[in-house]
Structure formats: C-alpha cells, structure tokens
Amino acid sequence: MTDLANQNRGISPVIGIVLLVAVVVGLSAVSAGMFYSLNQERDPAPAVTMSLEPTDVGAVQTLSVEQGSTLEGENIEIRGGVELADLASQELAAGDQHRIVPTATTVEVVWFGSQDTSYVIWEESVSQEATAPTPDKGCSWVETESDSGTDNVKVIGEVVACDVETSEGIEVQDGGVIIGETTSGAKDIDADDATFYGDVEVETVFNLQDGLVTGSIQSHTADIKLDNGTVTESVSAVKVLEVVHGSSVGGNATSDKQVKVLNSEVAGSVVSDDSVKLQDATVEGEVYVDAASFDCTNSTINGQSCASYSPRDPATY
C-alpha cells in the first residue's frame, strides 16, 4: 500500500503539468487567432499628402490633394471646416482641389474604412483670423426654423453651418452667415451685411447689399440686385440684373432682360436678350446684346473702350 501511494503521488504532479501546458497552448492558439482576425479586419490607413492654401475670398481656402491614394468622397469627413461642394459624390485624387471654409483652428481629414475603422489621415493648423466665425446654429435649427422647409428663415447676426432650403423667404442681416447652399423655392432672398459660403438659388428676387457670395446666384423668375456685393462665380437672372456701387462678379452676368453694370466689375461676359447698360464699368469678357440696345459710358470691355467696341450677337453666346 505504501509503494502504491507513493507512485500515485509521483504521477499527480506530472498530470498537473501536462494539463497546464495544454491550457497554455490552447489559450495561445485562441489569442493568436483573435489577433490575426483583428489584423485581418482592420483596414490600413490610406497614405495621402494634402495642403491648405488661403484664397482672396473671405475665409475660403483651397484643399489640394498633392499625392497618394485615390479616396472615395463618401468615406471622407472634414472636421473643423465645411466643404463648399458635396464631397460624397466625388473622388479625391492627386491633383484635385476642393474649396472649404475652416471654422476651427485645426482642420482634419478623417477617412472611414469598411470595418468600422477611422483614421485622421491629414491635419493642418489655421490661424484664427483665417477662419469663418464659429457656427451658432446647425441643421437641426434650420429644420425647426423652416418648419421642415415650409416657413420663412431669418439669420440675423448668427452663423448657420448647414444648407438652408425652404419654399418661403430667407432673410440674412446684420453680419449673418450661411455656410452651405441657400435656396428659396418660391419666394425672395433679402440680404444686407451678409455672407453666403455656397451657391444661392432663388425663385423670385435676390437682393444683396454689402455682402459676399462665394458661389453662383440664380433667380428662376425675377431680378437680382448686387449693391456693393461680391459674387465669386456667375450670376443669372430672368428679369433685371443690377451690378452697382462697387460690386464684382467673378463669372458671367446674364439675364433675359436688362443688365446694368454701374461702377462695378464683371470678370466674365455680360449677356442679355434685351439691353445692356455699362457706366464706369469693367467687363473682362465680351458683351452679348443687340448693338441697338447697348449703352456704354466710360467703360472697358475685353480691354477696349466703349467707342471702339462692338457687342456680340447674343445668338452666338
């Protein structure tokens, strides 16, 4: 009995060691499998090089993709800034440029992978002076203020970072800022000391006094008046288009009715099926209007003075 007991006591530690080794080996295998699985699931961050350069238009800056992977816009988020064109439907590839408005002193580009991964793939610091005012309101405010797009919207001395769209009128006054597209589907837009970072579309009258639009303006049925206003792209009206008192248009100025450019500049062409009046004006492009309906005083068109310039046939525009 004594010898058998001694033998059993000798076997027990051996069995324990064997079981411990088996457990350790098993856990190692499971851990390795989990580690391998996690590594397999996580998408690697794309490598890109970008730069941010200021423009001469308000707080608008140009985000340039210099080199690296082509990125799907739907996988990108700009933090600390608002893009002026919808990146979701675009690609970001080397050589591309996109306009953004910084709203914070650090702008980040965040990339989202297919396995719930995300990386900050680029960031840059911006001086406080180069940013737009900090937004006071967002899309939830626009939804409530417009009653889901069916009521008037007033932006008075506030900064709204969202597209503003309603079937009713829009009023932007006293330093009000909209960072996004602005659309009135059936009424007017009235703006005084206002900034629009994005395109403006209005059904009837658009009136801008002392303000900036970093995009284009289109009226579907009525007038557009710019009084000491700056528009970086084209302006298109159906009725009277007035560009007066030191205003500037960065693209073409077109209307089915009369176009007046008084003491102002148009970087593109002026086009009208009715009449054109230029006074103390500069038009860098051409003027397309019937010669009998062209009134020009102390102005230059495509580098020529009124006396030597002959307008182009609007049918050729």
Protein backbone atom coordinates (compact mmCIF):
# COMPACT_ATOMS: atom_id res chain seq x y z
CA MET A 1 0.00 0.00 0.00
CA THR A 2 2.78 2.37 0.82
CA ASP A 3 4.54 1.83 -2.54
CA LEU A 4 1.28 2.35 -4.48
CA ALA A 5 0.52 5.56 -2.64
CA ASN A 6 4.00 6.84 -3.32
CA GLN A 7 3.59 6.04 -7.03
CA ASN A 8 0.24 7.92 -7.20
CA ARG A 9 1.79 10.92 -5.52
CA GLY A 10 4.54 10.90 -8.15
CA ILE A 11 2.05 10.74 -11.05
CA SER A 12 -0.20 13.61 -9.88
CA PRO A 13 2.30 16.45 -10.43
CA VAL A 14 3.07 15.12 -13.88
CA ILE A 15 -0.61 15.13 -14.85
CA GLY A 16 -0.95 18.68 -13.50
CA ILE A 17 1.95 19.92 -15.55
CA VAL A 18 0.59 18.26 -18.69
CA LEU A 19 -2.82 19.88 -18.18
CA LEU A 20 -1.25 23.31 -17.53
CA VAL A 21 0.79 23.07 -20.71
CA ALA A 22 -2.30 22.08 -22.66
CA VAL A 23 -4.24 25.07 -21.29
CA VAL A 24 -1.41 27.49 -22.10
CA VAL A 25 -1.07 26.12 -25.62
CA GLY A 26 -4.82 26.35 -26.12
CA LEU A 27 -5.00 29.94 -24.91
CA SER A 28 -2.06 30.90 -27.09
CA ALA A 29 -3.77 29.44 -30.12
CA VAL A 30 -7.02 31.28 -29.36
CA SER A 31 -5.18 34.57 -28.74
CA ALA A 32 -3.19 34.20 -31.94
CA GLY A 33 -6.39 33.53 -33.85
CA MET A 34 -8.11 36.58 -32.38
CA PHE A 35 -5.06 38.77 -33.05
CA TYR A 36 -4.85 37.53 -36.63
CA SER A 37 -8.58 38.08 -37.11
CA LEU A 38 -8.40 41.65 -35.80
CA ASN A 39 -5.44 42.40 -38.01
CA GLN A 40 -7.28 40.99 -40.98
CA GLU A 41 -10.40 43.08 -40.31
CA ARG A 42 -8.79 46.49 -39.76
CA ASP A 43 -8.30 48.47 -42.94
CA PRO A 44 -4.94 50.18 -43.25
CA ALA A 45 -5.00 53.98 -43.35
CA PRO A 46 -4.53 55.40 -46.86
CA ALA A 47 -1.41 57.49 -47.37
CA VAL A 48 -2.08 60.96 -48.81
CA THR A 49 -0.37 64.33 -48.86
CA MET A 50 -2.56 67.45 -48.80
CA SER A 51 -2.16 71.18 -48.37
CA LEU A 52 -4.42 74.07 -47.42
CA GLU A 53 -3.99 77.47 -49.06
CA PRO A 54 -5.97 80.67 -48.47
CA THR A 55 -7.84 82.38 -51.29
CA ASP A 56 -8.70 86.05 -51.67
CA VAL A 57 -12.37 85.35 -50.91
CA GLY A 58 -13.35 85.62 -47.26
CA ALA A 59 -12.42 82.56 -45.22
CA VAL A 60 -12.48 80.22 -48.21
CA GLN A 61 -9.38 78.04 -48.52
CA THR A 62 -8.29 75.54 -51.15
CA LEU A 63 -7.67 71.96 -50.04
CA SER A 64 -5.28 70.38 -52.55
CA VAL A 65 -4.56 66.65 -52.85
CA GLU A 66 -0.89 66.55 -53.78
CA GLN A 67 -0.17 62.82 -53.91
CA GLY A 68 -1.23 59.45 -52.56
CA SER A 69 -4.21 57.12 -52.70
CA THR A 70 -7.42 57.99 -54.53
CA LEU A 71 -10.17 58.36 -51.93
CA GLU A 72 -13.92 57.96 -52.28
CA GLY A 73 -15.61 61.11 -51.06
CA GLU A 74 -18.29 59.14 -49.23
CA ASN A 75 -15.56 57.80 -46.93
CA ILE A 76 -14.23 61.26 -46.05
CA GLU A 77 -15.26 63.73 -43.35
CA ILE A 78 -13.87 67.24 -42.96
CA ARG A 79 -13.62 68.24 -39.31
CA GLY A 80 -13.05 71.84 -38.35
CA GLY A 81 -14.31 73.02 -41.72
CA VAL A 82 -17.20 72.92 -44.15
CA GLU A 83 -16.76 71.85 -47.78
CA LEU A 84 -18.40 74.08 -50.39
CA ALA A 85 -19.19 71.17 -52.71
CA ASP A 86 -20.62 67.82 -51.75
CA LEU A 87 -17.59 65.54 -51.50
CA ALA A 88 -19.73 62.42 -51.01
CA SER A 89 -20.35 62.09 -54.74
CA GLN A 90 -16.74 62.74 -55.74
CA GLU A 91 -13.30 61.20 -55.61
CA LEU A 92 -10.25 62.84 -54.08
CA ALA A 93 -7.23 62.09 -56.24
CA ALA A 94 -3.80 63.60 -56.70
CA GLY A 95 -4.14 66.97 -58.43
CA ASP A 96 -7.69 67.63 -57.21
CA GLN A 97 -8.63 70.83 -55.43
CA HIS A 98 -11.65 71.46 -53.23
CA ARG A 99 -12.84 74.65 -51.54
CA ILE A 100 -13.55 74.55 -47.83
CA VAL A 101 -14.33 77.08 -45.12
CA PRO A 102 -12.39 76.50 -41.88
CA THR A 103 -14.48 77.01 -38.77
CA ALA A 104 -11.80 75.95 -36.28
CA THR A 105 -8.06 76.45 -35.94
CA THR A 106 -7.38 72.79 -36.77
CA VAL A 107 -8.74 71.22 -39.93
CA GLU A 108 -8.71 67.41 -40.15
CA VAL A 109 -9.49 64.98 -42.93
CA VAL A 110 -10.90 61.77 -41.46
CA TRP A 111 -11.10 58.55 -43.51
CA PHE A 112 -13.56 55.77 -42.63
CA GLY A 113 -12.80 52.16 -43.61
CA SER A 114 -15.16 49.27 -44.24
CA GLN A 115 -14.57 47.55 -40.87
CA ASP A 116 -15.61 50.36 -38.51
CA THR A 117 -12.13 51.83 -38.67
CA SER A 118 -11.33 55.52 -38.95
CA TYR A 119 -8.12 57.49 -39.19
CA VAL A 120 -7.15 61.14 -39.21
CA ILE A 121 -5.13 60.99 -42.43
CA TRP A 122 -4.22 64.68 -42.59
CA GLU A 123 -4.48 67.79 -40.46
CA GLU A 124 -3.31 71.38 -40.57
CA SER A 125 -3.49 74.38 -38.27
CA VAL A 126 -5.23 77.57 -39.40
CA SER A 127 -4.90 80.99 -37.81
CA GLN A 128 -7.95 82.32 -36.03
CA GLU A 129 -8.07 85.25 -38.44
CA ALA A 130 -8.39 82.85 -41.41
CA THR A 131 -11.45 81.01 -40.12
CA ALA A 132 -15.12 81.77 -40.53
CA PRO A 133 -16.97 82.72 -37.36
CA THR A 134 -17.78 79.80 -35.10
CA PRO A 135 -21.20 78.41 -36.10
CA ASP A 136 -24.08 79.23 -33.75
CA LYS A 137 -26.64 77.01 -35.47
CA GLY A 138 -26.69 73.76 -37.39
CA CYS A 139 -29.05 71.64 -39.45
CA SER A 140 -31.41 70.88 -36.58
CA TRP A 141 -32.00 74.63 -36.15
CA VAL A 142 -32.70 75.04 -39.88
CA GLU A 143 -35.18 72.16 -39.77
CA THR A 144 -37.03 73.73 -36.83
CA GLU A 145 -36.81 77.35 -38.02
CA SER A 146 -38.10 76.50 -41.51
CA ASP A 147 -40.73 74.05 -40.19
CA SER A 148 -39.21 71.34 -42.39
CA GLY A 149 -38.75 73.71 -45.32
CA THR A 150 -42.21 75.31 -45.33
CA ASP A 151 -41.66 78.57 -43.40
CA ASN A 152 -39.54 81.74 -43.56
CA VAL A 153 -35.96 81.59 -42.31
CA LYS A 154 -34.21 84.56 -40.68
CA VAL A 155 -30.47 84.56 -39.99
CA ILE A 156 -29.85 87.77 -38.07
CA GLY A 157 -26.30 88.23 -36.80
CA GLU A 158 -25.78 84.48 -36.46
CA VAL A 159 -23.69 81.83 -38.21
CA VAL A 160 -25.50 78.81 -39.62
CA ALA A 161 -23.44 75.83 -40.75
CA CYS A 162 -25.90 73.91 -42.92
CA ASP A 163 -27.72 74.12 -46.23
CA VAL A 164 -30.70 76.45 -45.81
CA GLU A 165 -33.63 75.44 -48.01
CA THR A 166 -37.25 76.48 -47.75
CA SER A 167 -40.20 77.17 -50.03
CA GLU A 168 -40.64 80.55 -48.32
CA GLY A 169 -38.47 83.67 -47.96
CA ILE A 170 -34.98 83.90 -46.49
CA GLU A 171 -33.57 86.96 -44.72
CA VAL A 172 -29.89 87.30 -43.77
CA GLN A 173 -28.97 90.52 -41.96
CA ASP A 174 -26.52 92.22 -39.56
CA GLY A 175 -23.48 90.04 -40.22
CA GLY A 176 -25.43 86.84 -40.69
CA VAL A 177 -23.52 83.95 -42.29
CA ILE A 178 -24.71 80.79 -44.03
CA ILE A 179 -22.08 78.11 -44.61
CA GLY A 180 -23.80 75.91 -47.17
CA GLU A 181 -26.22 76.14 -50.08
CA THR A 182 -29.08 78.65 -49.80
CA THR A 183 -32.37 78.01 -51.63
CA SER A 184 -35.76 79.71 -51.60
CA GLY A 185 -38.08 77.55 -53.65
CA ALA A 186 -40.89 80.07 -54.13
CA LYS A 187 -40.06 83.46 -52.60
CA ASP A 188 -37.33 86.14 -52.20
CA ILE A 189 -33.95 86.26 -50.51
CA ASP A 190 -33.07 89.58 -48.90
CA ALA A 191 -29.54 90.09 -47.58
CA ASP A 192 -27.78 93.06 -46.00
CA ASP A 193 -24.29 92.78 -44.47
CA ALA A 194 -24.44 89.06 -45.15
CA THR A 195 -22.10 86.25 -46.21
CA PHE A 196 -23.09 83.13 -48.13
CA TYR A 197 -20.45 80.41 -48.34
CA GLY A 198 -22.03 78.44 -51.18
CA ASP A 199 -24.39 78.82 -54.14
CA VAL A 200 -27.61 80.81 -53.84
CA GLU A 201 -30.78 79.82 -55.71
CA VAL A 202 -34.00 81.84 -55.51
CA GLU A 203 -37.33 81.63 -57.26
CA THR A 204 -38.03 85.37 -57.38
CA VAL A 205 -35.89 88.35 -56.23
CA PHE A 206 -32.41 88.20 -54.75
CA ASN A 207 -31.17 91.44 -53.17
CA LEU A 208 -27.65 91.69 -51.71
CA GLN A 209 -26.33 94.86 -50.16
CA ASP A 210 -22.84 94.91 -48.61
CA GLY A 211 -22.17 91.21 -48.74
CA LEU A 212 -20.36 88.22 -50.20
CA VAL A 213 -21.45 85.09 -52.06
CA THR A 214 -18.68 82.53 -52.58
CA GLY A 215 -20.53 80.73 -55.33
CA SER A 216 -23.11 81.47 -58.00
CA ILE A 217 -26.52 83.15 -57.85
CA GLN A 218 -29.55 82.15 -59.91
CA SER A 219 -33.05 83.66 -59.95
CA HIS A 220 -35.56 81.49 -61.79
CA THR A 221 -38.22 84.14 -62.48
CA ALA A 222 -37.19 87.63 -61.37
CA ASP A 223 -34.49 90.21 -60.56
CA ILE A 224 -31.06 90.15 -58.96
CA LYS A 225 -29.53 93.29 -57.44
CA LEU A 226 -25.96 93.49 -56.14
CA ASP A 227 -25.19 96.73 -54.29
CA ASN A 228 -21.57 96.74 -53.09
CA GLY A 229 -21.71 92.97 -53.23
CA THR A 230 -19.12 90.39 -54.28
CA VAL A 231 -20.01 87.16 -56.07
CA THR A 232 -17.14 84.82 -56.92
CA GLU A 233 -18.93 82.94 -59.71
CA SER A 234 -21.70 83.61 -62.24
CA VAL A 235 -24.98 85.48 -61.76
CA SER A 236 -28.10 84.63 -63.77
CA ALA A 237 -31.46 86.44 -63.67
CA VAL A 238 -34.61 86.27 -65.76
CA LYS A 239 -35.58 89.92 -65.34
CA VAL A 240 -33.39 92.92 -64.44
CA LEU A 241 -29.84 92.25 -63.25
CA GLU A 242 -28.11 95.16 -61.49
CA VAL A 243 -24.44 95.14 -60.50
CA VAL A 244 -23.85 98.53 -58.89
CA HIS A 245 -21.85 100.62 -56.39
CA GLY A 246 -18.54 98.77 -56.44
CA SER A 247 -19.88 95.26 -56.87
CA SER A 248 -17.98 92.46 -58.59
CA VAL A 249 -18.98 89.25 -60.35
CA GLY A 250 -16.37 86.55 -60.80
CA GLY A 251 -18.10 84.85 -63.73
CA ASN A 252 -20.71 85.75 -66.34
CA ALA A 253 -23.60 88.15 -65.71
CA THR A 254 -26.64 87.05 -67.71
CA SER A 255 -30.32 87.97 -67.94
CA ASP A 256 -33.23 87.65 -70.33
CA LYS A 257 -33.97 91.32 -69.62
CA GLN A 258 -31.78 94.34 -68.92
CA VAL A 259 -28.29 94.07 -67.39
CA LYS A 260 -26.83 97.15 -65.68
CA VAL A 261 -23.19 97.30 -64.59
CA LEU A 262 -22.51 100.63 -62.92
CA ASN A 263 -19.20 101.45 -61.26
CA SER A 264 -18.58 97.71 -60.94
CA GLU A 265 -16.68 94.79 -62.46
CA VAL A 266 -17.59 91.57 -64.25
CA ALA A 267 -14.76 89.06 -64.72
CA GLY A 268 -16.70 87.08 -67.33
CA SER A 269 -19.09 88.18 -70.07
CA VAL A 270 -22.32 90.18 -69.95
CA VAL A 271 -25.24 88.59 -71.79
CA SER A 272 -28.76 89.93 -72.39
CA ASP A 273 -31.60 89.29 -74.82
CA ASP A 274 -32.94 92.77 -74.04
CA SER A 275 -30.41 95.54 -73.28
CA VAL A 276 -27.08 96.25 -71.56
CA LYS A 277 -26.03 99.46 -69.82
CA LEU A 278 -22.40 99.94 -68.75
CA GLN A 279 -21.20 103.02 -66.87
CA ASP A 280 -17.79 103.33 -65.21
CA ALA A 281 -17.58 99.57 -65.56
CA THR A 282 -15.04 96.91 -66.43
CA VAL A 283 -16.05 93.75 -68.27
CA GLU A 284 -13.17 91.35 -68.83
CA GLY A 285 -15.10 89.16 -71.25
CA GLU A 286 -17.44 90.12 -74.07
CA VAL A 287 -20.85 91.78 -74.18
CA TYR A 288 -23.58 89.82 -75.97
CA VAL A 289 -26.52 92.07 -76.87
CA ASP A 290 -28.11 93.66 -79.91
CA ALA A 291 -26.00 96.68 -80.89
CA ALA A 292 -29.04 98.95 -80.87
CA SER A 293 -29.65 98.05 -77.21
CA PHE A 294 -26.09 98.66 -75.99
CA ASP A 295 -25.49 101.76 -73.82
CA CYS A 296 -21.86 102.24 -72.78
CA THR A 297 -20.18 105.15 -70.96
CA ASN A 298 -16.61 105.39 -69.67
CA SER A 299 -16.18 101.61 -69.56
CA THR A 300 -13.89 98.91 -70.95
CA ILE A 301 -14.90 95.57 -72.47
CA ASN A 302 -12.25 92.95 -73.12
CA GLY A 303 -9.65 95.71 -72.90
CA GLN A 304 -11.43 98.01 -75.37
CA SER A 305 -13.16 101.29 -74.71
CA CYS A 306 -16.83 101.86 -75.41
CA ALA A 307 -16.04 103.86 -78.58
CA SER A 308 -14.09 101.03 -80.20
CA TYR A 309 -16.11 98.04 -79.01
CA SER A 310 -18.88 96.31 -80.96
CA PRO A 311 -21.11 93.95 -78.94
CA ARG A 312 -21.52 90.32 -79.99
CA ASP A 313 -24.74 88.80 -81.26
CA PRO A 314 -26.45 87.14 -78.25
CA ALA A 315 -27.44 84.25 -80.51
CA THR A 316 -23.74 83.31 -80.65
CA TYR A 317 -23.29 83.07 -76.88
